C-alpha atoms as a PDB file:
ATOM      1  CA  MET A   1      26.474   2.115   1.293  1.00  0.00           C
ATOM      2  CA  GLY A   2      25.517   1.181   4.862  1.00  0.00           C
ATOM      3  CA  ASN A   3      22.570   3.601   4.870  1.00  0.00           C
ATOM      4  CA  PHE A   4      21.338   2.170   1.565  1.00  0.00           C
ATOM      5  CA  LEU A   5      21.379  -1.374   2.943  1.00  0.00           C
ATOM      6  CA  HIS A   6      19.690  -0.261   6.149  1.00  0.00           C
ATOM      7  CA  SER A   7      16.914   1.587   4.297  1.00  0.00           C
ATOM      8  CA  HIS A   8      16.543  -1.315   1.841  1.00  0.00           C
ATOM      9  CA  GLY A   9      16.103  -3.693   4.789  1.00  0.00           C
ATOM     10  CA  ALA A  10      13.482  -1.384   6.284  1.00  0.00           C
ATOM     11  CA  VAL A  11      11.556  -1.424   2.995  1.00  0.00           C
ATOM     12  CA  VAL A  12      11.663  -5.219   2.821  1.00  0.00           C
ATOM     13  CA  ASN A  13      10.560  -5.441   6.454  1.00  0.00           C
ATOM     14  CA  THR A  14       7.658  -3.066   5.778  1.00  0.00           C
ATOM     15  CA  ILE A  15       6.582  -5.154   2.778  1.00  0.00           C
ATOM     16  CA  LEU A  16       6.693  -8.277   4.948  1.00  0.00           C
ATOM     17  CA  LEU A  17       4.562  -6.617   7.631  1.00  0.00           C
ATOM     18  CA  ILE A  18       1.988  -5.339   5.139  1.00  0.00           C
ATOM     19  CA  SER A  19       1.858  -8.743   3.448  1.00  0.00           C
ATOM     20  CA  ALA A  20       1.391 -10.508   6.794  1.00  0.00           C
ATOM     21  CA  ALA A  21      -1.448  -8.169   7.767  1.00  0.00           C
ATOM     22  CA  PHE A  22      -3.098  -8.600   4.369  1.00  0.00           C
ATOM     23  CA  SER A  23      -2.800 -12.378   4.650  1.00  0.00           C
ATOM     24  CA  TYR A  24      -4.379 -12.393   8.111  1.00  0.00           C
ATOM     25  CA  SER A  25      -7.163 -10.045   6.988  1.00  0.00           C
ATOM     26  CA  VAL A  26      -8.064 -12.041   3.902  1.00  0.00           C
ATOM     27  CA  GLY A  27      -7.931 -15.135   6.130  1.00  0.00           C
ATOM     28  CA  GLY A  28     -10.454 -13.401   8.391  1.00  0.00           C
ATOM     29  CA  TYR A  29     -12.661 -12.739   5.381  1.00  0.00           C
ATOM     30  CA  TYR A  30     -12.615 -16.437   4.542  1.00  0.00           C
ATOM     31  CA  MET A  31     -13.238 -17.227   8.198  1.00  0.00           C
ATOM     32  CA  LYS A  32     -16.530 -15.380   7.815  1.00  0.00           C
ATOM     33  CA  LEU A  33     -17.307 -17.278   4.595  1.00  0.00           C
ATOM     34  CA  SER A  34     -16.438 -20.629   6.200  1.00  0.00           C
ATOM     35  CA  GLU A  35     -19.522 -20.357   8.422  1.00  0.00           C
ATOM     36  CA  GLY A  36     -17.748 -21.495  11.567  1.00  0.00           C
ATOM     37  CA  LEU A  37     -15.198 -23.651   9.704  1.00  0.00           C
ATOM     38  CA  THR A  38     -17.992 -25.832   8.289  1.00  0.00           C
ATOM     39  CA  LYS A  39     -17.266 -25.179   4.595  1.00  0.00           C
ATOM     40  CA  GLY A  40     -14.196 -26.948   3.226  1.00  0.00           C
ATOM     41  CA  GLY A  41     -12.863 -24.460   0.669  1.00  0.00           C
ATOM     42  CA  PRO A  42     -13.025 -21.340   2.816  1.00  0.00           C
ATOM     43  CA  THR A  43     -11.758 -23.295   5.842  1.00  0.00           C
ATOM     44  CA  GLY A  44      -8.675 -24.404   3.907  1.00  0.00           C
ATOM     45  CA  LEU A  45      -8.022 -20.823   2.862  1.00  0.00           C
ATOM     46  CA  VAL A  46      -8.332 -19.659   6.484  1.00  0.00           C
ATOM     47  CA  TRP A  47      -5.627 -22.094   7.595  1.00  0.00           C
ATOM     48  CA  GLY A  48      -3.385 -21.384   4.610  1.00  0.00           C
ATOM     49  CA  LEU A  49      -3.619 -17.606   4.845  1.00  0.00           C
ATOM     50  CA  PHE A  50      -3.122 -17.546   8.613  1.00  0.00           C
ATOM     51  CA  CYS A  51      -0.048 -19.774   8.271  1.00  0.00           C
ATOM     52  CA  LEU A  52       1.305 -17.531   5.513  1.00  0.00           C
ATOM     53  CA  GLY A  53       0.710 -14.447   7.676  1.00  0.00           C
ATOM     54  CA  ALA A  54       2.535 -16.066  10.592  1.00  0.00           C
ATOM     55  CA  LEU A  55       5.445 -17.005   8.335  1.00  0.00           C
ATOM     56  CA  LEU A  56       5.762 -13.473   6.936  1.00  0.00           C
ATOM     57  CA  GLN A  57       5.503 -11.875  10.366  1.00  0.00           C
ATOM     58  CA  THR A  58       8.095 -14.287  11.765  1.00  0.00           C
ATOM     59  CA  VAL A  59      10.559 -13.376   9.027  1.00  0.00           C
ATOM     60  CA  ALA A  60       9.923  -9.661   9.658  1.00  0.00           C
ATOM     61  CA  MET A  61      10.666 -10.147  13.359  1.00  0.00           C
ATOM     62  CA  ARG A  62      14.243 -11.157  12.566  1.00  0.00           C
ATOM     63  CA  HIS A  63      15.174  -7.496  12.163  1.00  0.00           C
ATOM     64  CA  ALA A  64      12.610  -5.695  14.306  1.00  0.00           C
ATOM     65  CA  GLU A  65      11.317  -5.681  17.849  1.00  0.00           C
ATOM     66  CA  MET A  66       8.481  -8.100  18.520  1.00  0.00           C
ATOM     67  CA  THR A  67       6.353  -5.459  20.226  1.00  0.00           C
ATOM     68  CA  VAL A  68       6.506  -3.048  17.309  1.00  0.00           C
ATOM     69  CA  THR A  69       6.140  -5.764  14.674  1.00  0.00           C
ATOM     70  CA  TYR A  70       3.168  -7.373  16.381  1.00  0.00           C
ATOM     71  CA  ILE A  71       1.328  -4.112  16.999  1.00  0.00           C
ATOM     72  CA  VAL A  72       1.938  -2.843  13.450  1.00  0.00           C
ATOM     73  CA  VAL A  73       0.597  -6.081  11.949  1.00  0.00           C
ATOM     74  CA  LEU A  74      -2.452  -6.053  14.233  1.00  0.00           C
ATOM     75  CA  GLY A  75      -3.150  -2.417  13.371  1.00  0.00           C
ATOM     76  CA  LEU A  76      -2.833  -2.930   9.625  1.00  0.00           C
ATOM     77  CA  GLU A  77      -4.943  -6.061   9.928  1.00  0.00           C
ATOM     78  CA  ALA A  78      -7.684  -4.094  11.681  1.00  0.00           C
ATOM     79  CA  ILE A  79      -7.692  -1.439   8.955  1.00  0.00           C
ATOM     80  CA  ALA A  80      -7.761  -4.078   6.203  1.00  0.00           C
ATOM     81  CA  ALA A  81     -10.560  -5.965   8.001  1.00  0.00           C
ATOM     82  CA  LEU A  82     -12.654  -2.807   8.105  1.00  0.00           C
ATOM     83  CA  LEU A  83     -12.149  -2.277   4.362  1.00  0.00           C
ATOM     84  CA  LEU A  84     -12.879  -5.934   3.506  1.00  0.00           C
ATOM     85  CA  GLY A  85     -16.029  -5.848   5.630  1.00  0.00           C
ATOM     86  CA  LEU A  86     -17.149  -2.629   3.976  1.00  0.00           C
ATOM     87  CA  PHE A  87     -16.462  -3.542   0.342  1.00  0.00           C
ATOM     88  CA  PHE A  88     -16.984  -7.314   0.272  1.00  0.00           C
ATOM     89  CA  LEU A  89     -19.370  -8.120   3.126  1.00  0.00           C
ATOM     90  CA  GLY A  90     -21.558  -5.013   3.016  1.00  0.00           C
ATOM     91  CA  GLU A  91     -20.811  -4.111   6.625  1.00  0.00           C
ATOM     92  CA  GLY A  92     -21.448  -0.543   7.694  1.00  0.00           C
ATOM     93  CA  VAL A  93     -18.933   2.097   8.707  1.00  0.00           C
ATOM     94  CA  THR A  94     -19.773   4.451  11.533  1.00  0.00           C
ATOM     95  CA  LEU A  95     -18.033   7.558  12.776  1.00  0.00           C
ATOM     96  CA  VAL A  96     -16.784   5.561  15.768  1.00  0.00           C
ATOM     97  CA  LYS A  97     -15.215   2.939  13.470  1.00  0.00           C
ATOM     98  CA  LEU A  98     -13.557   5.659  11.393  1.00  0.00           C
ATOM     99  CA  ILE A  99     -12.151   7.357  14.488  1.00  0.00           C
ATOM    100  CA  GLY A 100     -10.872   3.990  15.711  1.00  0.00           C
ATOM    101  CA  VAL A 101      -9.133   3.324  12.393  1.00  0.00           C
ATOM    102  CA  LEU A 102      -7.601   6.803  12.437  1.00  0.00           C
ATOM    103  CA  LEU A 103      -6.243   6.195  15.938  1.00  0.00           C
ATOM    104  CA  ILE A 104      -4.796   2.850  14.815  1.00  0.00           C
ATOM    105  CA  ALA A 105      -3.154   4.480  11.784  1.00  0.00           C
ATOM    106  CA  VAL A 106      -1.618   7.208  13.962  1.00  0.00           C
ATOM    107  CA  GLY A 107      -0.357   4.565  16.367  1.00  0.00           C
ATOM    108  CA  ILE A 108       1.314   2.658  13.530  1.00  0.00           C
ATOM    109  CA  VAL A 109       3.045   5.819  12.290  1.00  0.00           C
ATOM    110  CA  VAL A 110       4.275   6.613  15.813  1.00  0.00           C
ATOM    111  CA  LEU A 111       5.618   3.075  16.322  1.00  0.00           C
ATOM    112  CA  ARG A 112       7.377   3.006  12.940  1.00  0.00           C
ATOM    113  CA  SER A 113       9.098   6.385  13.433  1.00  0.00           C
END
């Protein structure tokens, strides 16, 4: 029973980390659309999504080391930002960007193991 609860907690923590990174990344997308925080709607979404990301990451830190939690969220956020830029902002992807994302993904796997 103890292993089940431990693994269940790890799953919940992972969901919190992924959700925090997604929230920050989508907030970054709206940061771009806010044109320097000059447009009301996107600016409100930036603040709301960043606050939500901070809340989720804070809850995840209750049961994990800050260093691992912070780095995992930053890494996932970077990957999500690349995908949002590619698919929604028409930004290009170069070999260097792909290698960088691969290195980030490997780093996340190493930290989570």
